[in-house]
Protein backbone atom coordinates (compact mmCIF):
# COMPACT_ATOMS: atom_id res chain seq x y z
CA MET A 1 124.65 148.99 74.91
CA THR A 2 126.23 146.12 76.80
CA PRO A 3 124.67 142.72 76.20
CA LYS A 4 123.72 140.43 79.08
CA ILE A 5 125.91 137.37 78.54
CA GLN A 6 125.05 134.02 80.06
CA SER A 7 127.27 130.98 79.57
CA VAL A 8 125.72 127.58 80.30
CA HIS A 9 127.91 124.74 81.66
CA PHE A 10 131.14 126.76 81.40
CA ASP A 11 132.69 130.14 82.22
CA ALA A 12 133.29 132.44 79.25
CA ASP A 13 136.74 134.02 79.35
CA LYS A 14 137.37 137.77 79.12
CA LYS A 15 138.55 137.51 75.52
CA LEU A 16 135.29 135.86 74.42
CA ILE A 17 133.18 138.35 76.40
CA GLY A 18 135.10 141.24 74.81
CA PHE A 19 134.55 139.74 71.36
CA ILE A 20 130.80 139.40 72.00
CA ASN A 21 130.52 142.97 73.33
CA GLU A 22 132.32 144.33 70.27
CA LYS A 23 130.25 142.37 67.72
CA VAL A 24 126.86 142.87 69.34
CA SER A 25 127.36 146.59 70.00
CA LYS A 26 127.87 147.11 66.25
CA LEU A 27 124.22 146.16 65.71
CA SER A 28 123.20 149.52 67.21
CA GLN A 29 124.61 151.15 64.03
CA PHE A 30 121.80 149.47 62.09
CA HIS A 31 118.95 150.16 64.51
CA ASP A 32 118.73 152.95 67.07
CA GLY A 33 115.77 151.39 68.87
CA ILE A 34 117.60 148.49 70.51
CA ILE A 35 116.54 148.38 74.16
CA ASP A 36 118.74 145.52 75.32
CA THR A 37 120.41 142.33 74.18
CA ASP A 38 120.64 138.87 75.70
CA VAL A 39 123.38 136.46 74.64
CA ILE A 40 123.32 132.82 75.71
CA LEU A 41 126.32 130.62 75.05
CA ARG A 42 125.80 126.90 75.35
CA LEU A 43 128.24 124.01 75.12
CA ASP A 44 126.32 121.01 73.82
CA LYS A 45 127.35 117.62 75.08
CA SER A 46 127.91 115.89 71.79
CA ASN A 47 130.80 114.26 69.99
CA ASP A 48 130.31 116.61 67.07
CA GLN A 49 132.78 119.49 66.75
CA ASN A 50 129.91 121.86 65.98
CA ASN A 51 128.87 121.84 69.63
CA LYS A 52 129.08 125.53 70.49
CA THR A 53 125.78 127.39 70.30
CA ALA A 54 125.21 131.13 70.51
CA GLU A 55 121.74 132.62 70.91
CA ILE A 56 121.23 136.36 70.62
CA LYS A 57 117.94 138.04 71.45
CA LEU A 58 117.51 141.72 70.56
CA ASN A 59 114.73 143.58 72.30
CA LEU A 60 113.59 146.47 70.11
CA LYS A 61 110.88 149.04 70.58
CA GLY A 62 107.76 147.04 69.85
CA SER A 63 109.43 143.82 68.69
CA GLN A 64 112.06 141.20 69.32
CA LEU A 65 114.63 139.63 66.99
CA PHE A 66 116.33 136.30 67.62
CA ALA A 67 119.15 134.29 66.07
CA LYS A 68 120.63 130.96 67.11
CA LYS A 69 123.73 129.52 65.48
CA GLN A 70 125.81 126.42 66.17
CA CYS A 71 129.45 126.28 65.05
CA ILE A 72 132.89 124.91 65.91
CA THR A 73 133.84 128.04 67.90
CA PHE A 74 131.78 130.53 69.88
CA GLU A 75 133.33 133.36 67.87
CA GLU A 76 132.08 131.80 64.64
CA ALA A 77 128.62 131.23 66.15
CA ILE A 78 128.46 134.87 67.37
CA ASP A 79 129.56 136.13 63.94
CA SER A 80 126.87 134.08 62.20
CA ALA A 81 124.16 135.12 64.65
CA VAL A 82 125.10 138.82 64.37
CA ASP A 83 124.99 138.54 60.55
CA ALA A 84 121.56 136.93 60.77
CA LEU A 85 120.32 139.70 63.08
CA ARG A 86 121.73 142.37 60.77
CA SER A 87 119.63 140.88 57.93
CA GLN A 88 116.57 140.75 60.18
CA ILE A 89 117.04 144.41 61.16
CA LYS A 90 117.28 145.44 57.50
CA LYS A 91 114.13 143.48 56.64
CA ALA A 92 112.26 144.98 59.60
CA LYS A 93 113.30 148.50 58.55
CA GLU A 94 112.26 147.88 54.92
CA LYS A 95 108.93 146.55 56.11
CA ALA A 96 108.42 149.54 58.41
CA SER A 97 109.27 152.07 55.69
CA ALA A 98 106.97 150.26 53.23
CA ASN A 99 104.10 150.63 55.71
CA HIS A 100 104.56 154.39 56.00
């Protein structure tokens, strides 16, 4: 699964794209029903150092998960968003198994 990566107001370099592909593809270990993934990187125009935002949207069979994180680096934002999605996947699985 290769995520669709969109960078707003800048061009993401190959190193960053490789990092995103590696981190996001690991989510498929936690859920085998991931259809596709959208990643949006945004550079906010602010004087604050925490101006790099990463949004990750996971399209699953029958649902969608979303995480948005803002950090000093895109790598940090991606890491945080992937961690948040991992938690959401676990909760969704627990909820699904409780309903069966």
